[in-house]
């Protein structure tokens, strides 16, 4: 199958994008920034031709692969995640304690990093905040 068969008249646009930033594994931060700039240029367009959309999809995959390999983000602590959920939902420790049945002092201890969440706490909090239990970092 040729590019002309796939993209017709827009094959030249596809080749221009390949010349701008070839579709190959990203190997450095400089290449990552260049790829992201290219992605930004494409997503800022009102509409994309099929060739541009395909190029964007593959380039986005390459960026994701590079970031997965090089930019490992450590999981948020129980305190960080609980603090985020409290702020995002606009609720207080008291409200969460009342609704979940978790003692308020336990919530305070988790937020201060003095205590970890138990499986029971995680279950109650995930149901209350309507999030997957996996957002919490359970430690045996």
C-alpha atoms as a PDB file:
ATOM      1  CA  UNK A   1       0.000   0.000   0.000  1.00  0.00           C
ATOM      2  CA  UNK A   2       1.444   3.388  -0.957  1.00  0.00           C
ATOM      3  CA  UNK A   3       1.046   6.795   0.622  1.00  0.00           C
ATOM      4  CA  UNK A   4      -0.824   7.941  -2.454  1.00  0.00           C
ATOM      5  CA  UNK A   5      -3.311   5.108  -1.957  1.00  0.00           C
ATOM      6  CA  UNK A   6      -3.761   5.959   1.707  1.00  0.00           C
ATOM      7  CA  UNK A   7      -3.736   9.773   1.653  1.00  0.00           C
ATOM      8  CA  UNK A   8      -4.280  10.785  -1.965  1.00  0.00           C
ATOM      9  CA  UNK A   9      -3.525  14.467  -2.503  1.00  0.00           C
ATOM     10  CA  UNK A  10      -2.661  14.968   1.171  1.00  0.00           C
ATOM     11  CA  UNK A  11       0.325  12.605   1.019  1.00  0.00           C
ATOM     12  CA  UNK A  12       2.622  15.617   0.543  1.00  0.00           C
ATOM     13  CA  UNK A  13       1.435  17.071   3.879  1.00  0.00           C
ATOM     14  CA  UNK A  14       2.264  13.765   5.568  1.00  0.00           C
ATOM     15  CA  UNK A  15       5.737  13.784   4.038  1.00  0.00           C
ATOM     16  CA  UNK A  16       6.231  17.396   5.153  1.00  0.00           C
ATOM     17  CA  UNK A  17       5.448  16.345   8.726  1.00  0.00           C
ATOM     18  CA  UNK A  18       7.851  13.404   8.478  1.00  0.00           C
ATOM     19  CA  UNK A  19      10.562  15.787   7.264  1.00  0.00           C
ATOM     20  CA  UNK A  20       9.768  18.180  10.131  1.00  0.00           C
ATOM     21  CA  UNK A  21       9.960  15.481  12.800  1.00  0.00           C
ATOM     22  CA  UNK A  22      10.569  11.883  11.641  1.00  0.00           C
ATOM     23  CA  UNK A  23       8.473   9.189  13.286  1.00  0.00           C
ATOM     24  CA  UNK A  24      11.096   7.218  15.181  1.00  0.00           C
ATOM     25  CA  UNK A  25      11.778   6.509  18.841  1.00  0.00           C
ATOM     26  CA  UNK A  26      12.432   9.639  20.905  1.00  0.00           C
ATOM     27  CA  UNK A  27      15.853   9.432  22.542  1.00  0.00           C
ATOM     28  CA  UNK A  28      16.421  12.729  24.356  1.00  0.00           C
ATOM     29  CA  UNK A  29      14.714  15.559  26.195  1.00  0.00           C
ATOM     30  CA  UNK A  30      15.470  17.854  23.262  1.00  0.00           C
ATOM     31  CA  UNK A  31      13.662  15.481  20.887  1.00  0.00           C
ATOM     32  CA  UNK A  32      10.805  15.239  23.375  1.00  0.00           C
ATOM     33  CA  UNK A  33      10.381  19.030  23.447  1.00  0.00           C
ATOM     34  CA  UNK A  34      10.506  19.172  19.659  1.00  0.00           C
ATOM     35  CA  UNK A  35       7.887  16.418  19.410  1.00  0.00           C
ATOM     36  CA  UNK A  36       5.619  18.189  21.877  1.00  0.00           C
ATOM     37  CA  UNK A  37       5.947  21.442  19.949  1.00  0.00           C
ATOM     38  CA  UNK A  38       4.949  19.595  16.776  1.00  0.00           C
ATOM     39  CA  UNK A  39       1.971  18.032  18.566  1.00  0.00           C
ATOM     40  CA  UNK A  40       0.918  21.441  19.885  1.00  0.00           C
ATOM     41  CA  UNK A  41       1.030  22.889  16.381  1.00  0.00           C
ATOM     42  CA  UNK A  42      -1.220  20.122  15.092  1.00  0.00           C
ATOM     43  CA  UNK A  43      -3.761  20.202  17.906  1.00  0.00           C
ATOM     44  CA  UNK A  44      -4.061  23.968  17.603  1.00  0.00           C
ATOM     45  CA  UNK A  45      -5.472  23.513  14.100  1.00  0.00           C
ATOM     46  CA  UNK A  46      -9.230  23.698  13.783  1.00  0.00           C
ATOM     47  CA  UNK A  47      -9.401  20.554  11.638  1.00  0.00           C
ATOM     48  CA  UNK A  48      -6.880  17.904  10.645  1.00  0.00           C
ATOM     49  CA  UNK A  49      -6.567  16.069   7.382  1.00  0.00           C
ATOM     50  CA  UNK A  50      -6.398  12.266   7.661  1.00  0.00           C
ATOM     51  CA  UNK A  51      -2.635  12.363   7.084  1.00  0.00           C
ATOM     52  CA  UNK A  52      -2.176  14.887   9.902  1.00  0.00           C
ATOM     53  CA  UNK A  53      -4.414  12.938  12.270  1.00  0.00           C
ATOM     54  CA  UNK A  54      -2.496   9.713  11.624  1.00  0.00           C
ATOM     55  CA  UNK A  55       0.851  11.459  12.097  1.00  0.00           C
ATOM     56  CA  UNK A  56      -0.404  13.047  15.326  1.00  0.00           C
ATOM     57  CA  UNK A  57      -1.591   9.686  16.676  1.00  0.00           C
ATOM     58  CA  UNK A  58       1.748   7.984  16.060  1.00  0.00           C
ATOM     59  CA  UNK A  59       3.814  10.916  17.352  1.00  0.00           C
ATOM     60  CA  UNK A  60       1.669  11.042  20.504  1.00  0.00           C
ATOM     61  CA  UNK A  61       2.338   7.330  21.048  1.00  0.00           C
ATOM     62  CA  UNK A  62       6.085   7.918  20.690  1.00  0.00           C
ATOM     63  CA  UNK A  63       5.969  10.725  23.267  1.00  0.00           C
ATOM     64  CA  UNK A  64       4.005   8.524  25.656  1.00  0.00           C
ATOM     65  CA  UNK A  65       6.507   5.666  25.244  1.00  0.00           C
ATOM     66  CA  UNK A  66       9.443   7.965  25.966  1.00  0.00           C
ATOM     67  CA  UNK A  67       7.779   9.476  29.016  1.00  0.00           C
ATOM     68  CA  UNK A  68       6.865   6.056  30.402  1.00  0.00           C
ATOM     69  CA  UNK A  69      10.492   4.956  30.089  1.00  0.00           C
ATOM     70  CA  UNK A  70      12.143   8.077  31.455  1.00  0.00           C
ATOM     71  CA  UNK A  71       9.773  10.024  33.656  1.00  0.00           C
ATOM     72  CA  UNK A  72       8.587   7.697  36.368  1.00  0.00           C
ATOM     73  CA  UNK A  73       6.283   9.607  38.692  1.00  0.00           C
ATOM     74  CA  UNK A  74       6.191   8.123  42.162  1.00  0.00           C
ATOM     75  CA  UNK A  75       2.726   7.338  43.468  1.00  0.00           C
ATOM     76  CA  UNK A  76       1.146   9.968  45.675  1.00  0.00           C
ATOM     77  CA  UNK A  77       1.228   9.259  49.386  1.00  0.00           C
ATOM     78  CA  UNK A  78      -1.976   8.576  51.295  1.00  0.00           C
ATOM     79  CA  UNK A  79      -1.776  12.096  52.725  1.00  0.00           C
ATOM     80  CA  UNK A  80      -1.277  13.736  49.322  1.00  0.00           C
ATOM     81  CA  UNK A  81      -4.102  11.799  47.716  1.00  0.00           C
ATOM     82  CA  UNK A  82      -6.530  12.386  50.576  1.00  0.00           C
ATOM     83  CA  UNK A  83      -5.665  16.097  50.675  1.00  0.00           C
ATOM     84  CA  UNK A  84      -6.233  16.350  46.933  1.00  0.00           C
ATOM     85  CA  UNK A  85      -9.613  14.603  47.157  1.00  0.00           C
ATOM     86  CA  UNK A  86     -10.721  16.820  50.042  1.00  0.00           C
ATOM     87  CA  UNK A  87      -9.818  19.945  48.082  1.00  0.00           C
ATOM     88  CA  UNK A  88     -11.243  18.698  44.786  1.00  0.00           C
ATOM     89  CA  UNK A  89     -14.572  17.765  46.371  1.00  0.00           C
ATOM     90  CA  UNK A  90     -14.643  20.843  48.607  1.00  0.00           C
ATOM     91  CA  UNK A  91     -15.308  18.840  51.761  1.00  0.00           C
ATOM     92  CA  UNK A  92     -13.841  18.962  55.248  1.00  0.00           C
ATOM     93  CA  UNK A  93     -12.267  16.251  57.359  1.00  0.00           C
ATOM     94  CA  UNK A  94     -15.313  16.383  59.625  1.00  0.00           C
ATOM     95  CA  UNK A  95     -17.697  15.769  56.718  1.00  0.00           C
ATOM     96  CA  UNK A  96     -15.644  12.854  55.440  1.00  0.00           C
ATOM     97  CA  UNK A  97     -15.433  11.358  58.927  1.00  0.00           C
ATOM     98  CA  UNK A  98     -19.192  11.605  59.390  1.00  0.00           C
ATOM     99  CA  UNK A  99     -20.003  10.141  55.975  1.00  0.00           C
ATOM    100  CA  UNK A 100     -17.436   7.315  56.018  1.00  0.00           C
ATOM    101  CA  UNK A 101     -17.428   6.343  59.668  1.00  0.00           C
ATOM    102  CA  UNK A 102     -13.681   6.880  59.852  1.00  0.00           C
ATOM    103  CA  UNK A 103     -12.691   8.628  63.065  1.00  0.00           C
ATOM    104  CA  UNK A 104     -11.705  12.264  62.427  1.00  0.00           C
ATOM    105  CA  UNK A 105      -8.433  11.861  64.337  1.00  0.00           C
ATOM    106  CA  UNK A 106      -7.514   9.020  61.963  1.00  0.00           C
ATOM    107  CA  UNK A 107      -8.088  11.286  58.972  1.00  0.00           C
ATOM    108  CA  UNK A 108      -5.944  13.982  60.622  1.00  0.00           C
ATOM    109  CA  UNK A 109      -3.194  11.456  61.353  1.00  0.00           C
ATOM    110  CA  UNK A 110      -3.213  10.291  57.724  1.00  0.00           C
ATOM    111  CA  UNK A 111      -3.064  13.894  56.464  1.00  0.00           C
ATOM    112  CA  UNK A 112      -0.104  14.650  58.746  1.00  0.00           C
ATOM    113  CA  UNK A 113       1.707  11.504  57.572  1.00  0.00           C
ATOM    114  CA  UNK A 114       1.609   9.878  61.015  1.00  0.00           C
ATOM    115  CA  UNK A 115      -0.663   7.051  59.942  1.00  0.00           C
ATOM    116  CA  UNK A 116      -1.350   4.986  56.841  1.00  0.00           C
ATOM    117  CA  UNK A 117      -4.704   4.009  55.475  1.00  0.00           C
ATOM    118  CA  UNK A 118      -5.974   0.496  56.098  1.00  0.00           C
ATOM    119  CA  UNK A 119      -7.844  -1.582  53.545  1.00  0.00           C
ATOM    120  CA  UNK A 120     -11.065  -0.702  55.346  1.00  0.00           C
ATOM    121  CA  UNK A 121     -10.281   3.029  55.190  1.00  0.00           C
ATOM    122  CA  UNK A 122      -9.415   2.777  51.489  1.00  0.00           C
ATOM    123  CA  UNK A 123     -12.686   1.006  50.764  1.00  0.00           C
ATOM    124  CA  UNK A 124     -14.732   3.617  52.601  1.00  0.00           C
ATOM    125  CA  UNK A 125     -12.846   6.564  51.081  1.00  0.00           C
ATOM    126  CA  UNK A 126     -13.006   5.199  47.539  1.00  0.00           C
ATOM    127  CA  UNK A 127     -16.776   4.712  47.838  1.00  0.00           C
ATOM    128  CA  UNK A 128     -17.235   8.169  49.361  1.00  0.00           C
ATOM    129  CA  UNK A 129     -15.094   9.989  46.776  1.00  0.00           C
ATOM    130  CA  UNK A 130     -16.271   7.687  43.944  1.00  0.00           C
ATOM    131  CA  UNK A 131     -12.718   6.800  42.904  1.00  0.00           C
ATOM    132  CA  UNK A 132     -10.949   3.518  42.336  1.00  0.00           C
ATOM    133  CA  UNK A 133      -9.283   2.091  45.447  1.00  0.00           C
ATOM    134  CA  UNK A 134      -6.094   1.950  43.382  1.00  0.00           C
ATOM    135  CA  UNK A 135      -5.633   5.733  43.732  1.00  0.00           C
ATOM    136  CA  UNK A 136      -4.518   5.046  47.286  1.00  0.00           C
ATOM    137  CA  UNK A 137      -1.143   3.495  48.009  1.00  0.00           C
ATOM    138  CA  UNK A 138      -1.874   0.573  50.336  1.00  0.00           C
ATOM    139  CA  UNK A 139       1.139  -0.750  52.230  1.00  0.00           C
ATOM    140  CA  UNK A 140       1.018  -4.026  54.110  1.00  0.00           C
END
